[in-house]
Amino acid sequence: MKISDLELEEFIDQIIDSKKYRDSGLNRDTIRDLLLQEAPQHQSSKKLLKSVKRKLHNIVAPYLGEPIYDTLTNQLAQIDTPSANSSEIKAFCKTVLAEHASTKERLPYLEEFFGSLFEETGKPKILLDLACGLHPLAFSWMGLPLTTQYHAYDIIQPRIAFINYFFRTLGLNPLAENRDILVRPPKIRADLALILKEAHRMEKRQPGCNKALWASLDVETLAVSLPTQNLSGTHSLLVQHRALVYTNLPENRSVNEIIFEDEIVFLIRKIRD
């Protein structure tokens, strides 16, 4: 079906005003993008909205049921020594990171993860954290200076506000932004971009979107991490996730791998002449 600009905005308002997403702070660009993708495949607005809500659930579901970010902000404000290396900050961050499956899995080897990554890439002066979730709370284990330009992107506004408060608390510039990176890829030239355990979910939203995104980034190295096994740990995902990366690899790119217990990191670089 064809939808006018007015109808498009009305559909977006209808979804955002629904009970499920009313307080989510969900980025409008994400909903608009899904509506435009799905519209040609449906003949009625009812079927279109049902299809979009189903896709939206797959994108946002892991974020539902989170702690109240105002509460986390208040807890962070109570810390007496809010430096990146303080035991209080690290304890707070570990507690928050443990509440989400992807970051919880990385906690046992967090320092090793970034140590191995930066050994290959060098410590970035400008870092992009794409579809960041709560990854920025691992800053204390990255060993990066406060002069680092840490750009973080996510589609949930309350999370972005909290991350910027966290950045300011540590003394970092508050460079987190509510942005759908598939709709508006960042154009910042950076040393390193991270896409941690998100590329496979992006591919479900829009097959082939990773290739377009990766090709658009102006970065020295793109680090794409994917889980090595399913959530229950019953079977390996290495074959299918290697296929995902190499299928979406833009032209003239080289790939190195770093394998950890629960995830594999693909370091994607442009091949220099």
Protein backbone atom coordinates (compact mmCIF):
# COMPACT_ATOMS: atom_id res chain seq x y z
CA MET A 1 0.00 0.00 0.00
CA LYS A 2 1.03 3.60 -0.54
CA ILE A 3 1.03 5.91 2.44
CA SER A 4 1.17 9.68 2.40
CA ASP A 5 3.57 11.70 4.55
CA LEU A 6 0.65 12.64 6.81
CA GLU A 7 -0.41 9.00 7.21
CA LEU A 8 3.17 8.02 7.90
CA GLU A 9 3.46 10.48 10.80
CA GLU A 10 0.05 9.41 12.11
CA PHE A 11 1.13 5.75 12.12
CA ILE A 12 4.33 6.68 13.96
CA ASP A 13 2.32 8.62 16.57
CA GLN A 14 -0.06 5.69 16.96
CA ILE A 15 2.77 3.26 17.71
CA ILE A 16 4.64 5.65 20.03
CA ASP A 17 1.42 6.41 21.93
CA SER A 18 0.69 2.71 22.47
CA LYS A 19 0.93 1.35 26.00
CA LYS A 20 3.99 -0.74 25.13
CA TYR A 21 6.14 2.11 23.80
CA ARG A 22 4.66 5.23 25.41
CA ASP A 23 7.52 5.66 27.89
CA SER A 24 10.27 3.99 25.88
CA GLY A 25 11.77 7.08 24.27
CA LEU A 26 11.95 5.12 21.02
CA ASN A 27 13.52 6.88 18.04
CA ARG A 28 10.91 7.95 15.47
CA ASP A 29 13.31 7.24 12.59
CA THR A 30 13.28 3.55 13.46
CA ILE A 31 9.50 3.33 13.24
CA ARG A 32 9.41 5.41 10.06
CA ASP A 33 12.01 3.18 8.44
CA LEU A 34 10.04 0.02 9.29
CA LEU A 35 6.80 1.50 7.97
CA LEU A 36 8.41 2.45 4.67
CA GLN A 37 10.00 -0.99 4.33
CA GLU A 38 6.81 -2.89 5.08
CA ALA A 39 4.23 -0.71 3.30
CA PRO A 40 4.75 -2.16 -0.22
CA GLN A 41 4.06 -5.66 1.12
CA HIS A 42 0.63 -4.97 2.65
CA GLN A 43 -2.75 -3.90 1.35
CA SER A 44 -4.26 -2.55 4.56
CA SER A 45 -3.11 -0.30 7.37
CA LYS A 46 -4.12 -2.94 9.92
CA LYS A 47 -1.81 -5.56 8.40
CA LEU A 48 0.95 -2.99 7.93
CA LEU A 49 0.86 -1.91 11.58
CA LYS A 50 0.77 -5.52 12.75
CA SER A 51 3.85 -6.34 10.69
CA VAL A 52 5.74 -3.25 11.86
CA LYS A 53 4.92 -3.92 15.51
CA ARG A 54 6.18 -7.48 15.14
CA LYS A 55 9.50 -6.28 13.72
CA LEU A 56 9.70 -3.52 16.30
CA HIS A 57 9.23 -6.06 19.07
CA ASN A 58 12.21 -8.03 17.77
CA ILE A 59 14.32 -4.87 17.78
CA VAL A 60 13.25 -3.49 21.14
CA ALA A 61 12.25 -6.57 23.17
CA PRO A 62 15.68 -7.10 24.76
CA TYR A 63 15.46 -3.56 26.11
CA LEU A 64 12.06 -3.89 27.78
CA GLY A 65 11.89 -4.41 31.51
CA GLU A 66 15.06 -2.42 32.18
CA PRO A 67 15.74 -0.56 35.39
CA ILE A 68 14.42 2.96 35.58
CA TYR A 69 17.20 5.17 34.28
CA ASP A 70 16.33 7.98 36.68
CA THR A 71 17.02 5.52 39.50
CA LEU A 72 20.40 4.59 38.02
CA THR A 73 21.23 8.26 37.61
CA ASN A 74 20.42 8.91 41.27
CA GLN A 75 22.55 5.94 42.33
CA LEU A 76 25.45 7.20 40.25
CA ALA A 77 25.08 10.65 41.77
CA GLN A 78 25.58 9.16 45.25
CA ILE A 79 29.06 7.81 44.47
CA ASP A 80 31.69 9.83 46.33
CA THR A 81 34.66 9.04 44.07
CA PRO A 82 33.29 9.03 40.50
CA SER A 83 36.56 8.42 38.66
CA ALA A 84 36.87 5.78 35.94
CA ASN A 85 39.15 3.58 38.03
CA SER A 86 37.39 3.88 41.39
CA SER A 87 36.13 0.69 42.99
CA GLU A 88 32.70 2.31 43.52
CA ILE A 89 32.28 3.14 39.86
CA LYS A 90 33.41 -0.32 38.77
CA ALA A 91 31.05 -2.01 41.22
CA PHE A 92 28.16 0.15 40.01
CA CYS A 93 28.94 -0.54 36.34
CA LYS A 94 29.28 -4.28 36.91
CA THR A 95 25.86 -4.37 38.54
CA VAL A 96 24.25 -2.54 35.60
CA LEU A 97 26.10 -4.56 32.94
CA ALA A 98 25.06 -7.80 34.62
CA GLU A 99 21.39 -7.00 33.98
CA HIS A 100 21.70 -7.54 30.21
CA ALA A 101 22.58 -10.87 28.63
CA SER A 102 25.13 -9.66 26.08
CA THR A 103 27.11 -7.49 28.50
CA LYS A 104 26.74 -9.98 31.34
CA GLU A 105 28.42 -12.68 29.24
CA ARG A 106 31.42 -10.41 28.65
CA LEU A 107 31.99 -9.51 32.31
CA PRO A 108 34.34 -12.44 33.12
CA TYR A 109 36.77 -11.41 30.37
CA LEU A 110 36.02 -7.69 30.05
CA GLU A 111 39.58 -6.46 30.57
CA GLU A 112 40.98 -9.20 28.32
CA PHE A 113 38.41 -8.30 25.66
CA PHE A 114 39.50 -4.68 25.32
CA GLY A 115 43.16 -5.48 25.90
CA SER A 116 43.18 -7.93 23.00
CA LEU A 117 41.11 -5.60 20.83
CA PHE A 118 43.33 -2.55 21.34
CA GLU A 119 46.47 -4.65 20.91
CA GLU A 120 45.27 -5.21 17.34
CA THR A 121 43.85 -1.75 16.62
CA GLY A 122 45.78 0.56 18.89
CA LYS A 123 43.99 2.69 21.47
CA PRO A 124 41.47 4.85 19.61
CA LYS A 125 41.39 8.59 20.02
CA ILE A 126 37.96 8.68 18.35
CA LEU A 127 35.65 5.75 19.04
CA LEU A 128 32.18 5.01 17.66
CA ASP A 129 29.99 2.63 19.67
CA LEU A 130 27.15 1.74 17.27
CA ALA A 131 23.86 0.42 18.67
CA CYS A 132 25.70 0.76 21.95
CA GLY A 133 23.20 -0.52 24.49
CA LEU A 134 24.99 -0.24 27.83
CA HIS A 135 28.48 -1.04 26.47
CA PRO A 136 29.81 2.44 27.39
CA LEU A 137 29.63 1.46 31.05
CA ALA A 138 32.63 -0.78 30.37
CA PHE A 139 34.81 2.33 29.92
CA SER A 140 36.63 1.66 33.19
CA TRP A 141 38.04 -1.57 31.71
CA MET A 142 39.10 -0.05 28.39
CA GLY A 143 42.19 1.72 29.67
CA LEU A 144 41.43 4.79 27.55
CA PRO A 145 42.18 8.40 28.57
CA LEU A 146 39.43 10.90 29.30
CA THR A 147 40.47 12.79 26.16
CA THR A 148 38.96 9.96 24.09
CA GLN A 149 36.07 11.11 21.91
CA TYR A 150 33.56 8.37 22.69
CA HIS A 151 30.55 8.64 20.38
CA ALA A 152 27.77 6.26 21.41
CA TYR A 153 24.55 5.69 19.44
CA ASP A 154 21.31 4.02 20.51
CA ILE A 155 17.60 4.30 19.65
CA ILE A 156 16.36 4.53 23.26
CA GLN A 157 16.44 8.12 24.56
CA PRO A 158 16.36 7.41 28.35
CA ARG A 159 19.41 5.20 27.89
CA ILE A 160 21.22 7.92 25.94
CA ALA A 161 20.46 10.49 28.64
CA PHE A 162 21.83 8.14 31.29
CA ILE A 163 24.99 7.36 29.28
CA ASN A 164 25.67 11.07 28.81
CA TYR A 165 25.25 11.61 32.56
CA PHE A 166 27.69 8.73 33.12
CA PHE A 167 30.17 10.29 30.66
CA ARG A 168 29.96 13.66 32.39
CA THR A 169 30.40 12.01 35.77
CA LEU A 170 33.66 10.41 34.65
CA GLY A 171 34.89 13.56 32.92
CA LEU A 172 34.26 12.43 29.34
CA ASN A 173 32.52 14.61 26.79
CA PRO A 174 28.80 13.65 26.65
CA LEU A 175 28.80 12.40 23.06
CA ALA A 176 26.02 9.81 23.24
CA GLU A 177 23.25 10.38 20.69
CA ASN A 178 19.75 9.04 20.08
CA ARG A 179 20.22 7.90 16.48
CA ASP A 180 19.18 4.96 14.35
CA ILE A 181 22.49 4.10 12.69
CA LEU A 182 20.78 2.14 9.89
CA VAL A 183 18.77 5.21 8.90
CA ARG A 184 21.48 7.81 9.54
CA PRO A 185 24.95 6.24 9.71
CA PRO A 186 27.42 8.56 11.45
CA LYS A 187 29.84 10.34 9.13
CA ILE A 188 32.49 11.01 11.77
CA ARG A 189 35.97 9.90 10.84
CA ALA A 190 37.13 7.57 13.61
CA ASP A 191 39.93 5.22 14.55
CA LEU A 192 37.60 2.44 15.62
CA ALA A 193 33.91 1.58 15.43
CA LEU A 194 32.26 -1.12 17.54
CA ILE A 195 29.16 -3.14 16.70
CA LEU A 196 28.94 -5.58 19.60
CA LYS A 197 26.50 -8.50 19.33
CA GLU A 198 24.04 -6.56 17.18
CA ALA A 199 24.83 -7.34 13.52
CA HIS A 200 22.78 -10.56 13.50
CA ARG A 201 19.75 -8.74 14.92
CA MET A 202 20.16 -5.94 12.38
CA GLU A 203 20.16 -8.49 9.59
CA LYS A 204 16.77 -9.77 10.76
CA ARG A 205 15.39 -6.26 10.62
CA GLN A 206 16.61 -5.65 7.07
CA PRO A 207 18.64 -8.27 5.17
CA GLY A 208 21.77 -6.73 3.69
CA CYS A 209 21.70 -3.65 5.92
CA ASN A 210 25.06 -4.49 7.47
CA LYS A 211 26.87 -4.30 4.14
CA ALA A 212 25.49 -0.83 3.44
CA LEU A 213 26.25 0.37 6.96
CA TRP A 214 29.79 -1.02 7.04
CA ALA A 215 30.61 0.48 3.64
CA SER A 216 29.35 3.91 4.76
CA LEU A 217 31.58 4.20 7.84
CA ASP A 218 34.73 6.32 7.67
CA VAL A 219 36.75 4.31 10.18
CA GLU A 220 40.19 2.74 10.26
CA THR A 221 38.86 -0.45 11.84
CA LEU A 222 35.36 -1.79 12.32
CA ALA A 223 35.08 -4.38 15.11
CA VAL A 224 31.97 -6.55 14.71
CA SER A 225 31.40 -9.04 17.50
CA LEU A 226 28.91 -11.91 17.39
CA PRO A 227 28.07 -14.67 19.86
CA THR A 228 29.85 -17.98 19.37
CA GLN A 229 26.89 -20.02 20.65
CA ASN A 230 23.17 -19.71 21.26
CA LEU A 231 21.86 -18.35 24.56
CA SER A 232 21.34 -21.83 26.01
CA GLY A 233 24.86 -22.86 24.99
CA THR A 234 23.62 -25.95 23.16
CA HIS A 235 25.15 -25.32 19.75
CA SER A 236 27.81 -23.27 18.00
CA LEU A 237 26.97 -20.23 15.88
CA LEU A 238 30.45 -19.76 14.43
CA VAL A 239 29.66 -21.06 10.95
CA GLN A 240 26.54 -18.97 10.42
CA HIS A 241 28.06 -15.84 11.94
CA ARG A 242 31.20 -16.11 9.85
CA ALA A 243 28.88 -16.43 6.85
CA LEU A 244 26.99 -13.31 7.95
CA VAL A 245 30.21 -11.28 8.07
CA TYR A 246 31.69 -12.49 4.80
CA THR A 247 28.37 -12.20 2.96
CA ASN A 248 28.05 -8.55 3.99
CA LEU A 249 31.71 -7.62 3.64
CA PRO A 250 32.15 -4.53 1.43
CA GLU A 251 34.71 -4.67 -1.36
CA ASN A 252 38.42 -4.25 -0.63
CA ARG A 253 38.21 -5.23 3.02
CA SER A 254 40.45 -7.52 5.04
CA VAL A 255 39.26 -9.45 8.09
CA ASN A 256 41.07 -10.69 11.21
CA GLU A 257 39.40 -12.65 13.98
CA ILE A 258 39.74 -12.66 17.76
CA ILE A 259 37.87 -15.49 19.47
CA PHE A 260 36.78 -15.37 23.09
CA GLU A 261 34.76 -17.88 25.08
CA ASP A 262 31.36 -16.40 24.23
CA GLU A 263 31.96 -14.17 21.22
CA ILE A 264 34.05 -13.72 18.12
CA VAL A 265 35.31 -10.32 17.00
CA PHE A 266 35.82 -9.62 13.30
CA LEU A 267 38.27 -6.77 12.66
CA ILE A 268 37.34 -5.30 9.29
CA ARG A 269 39.77 -2.92 7.60
CA LYS A 270 40.06 -1.25 4.22
CA ILE A 271 42.79 -2.74 2.04
CA ARG A 272 45.28 0.04 1.31
CA ASP A 273 46.81 0.34 -2.15
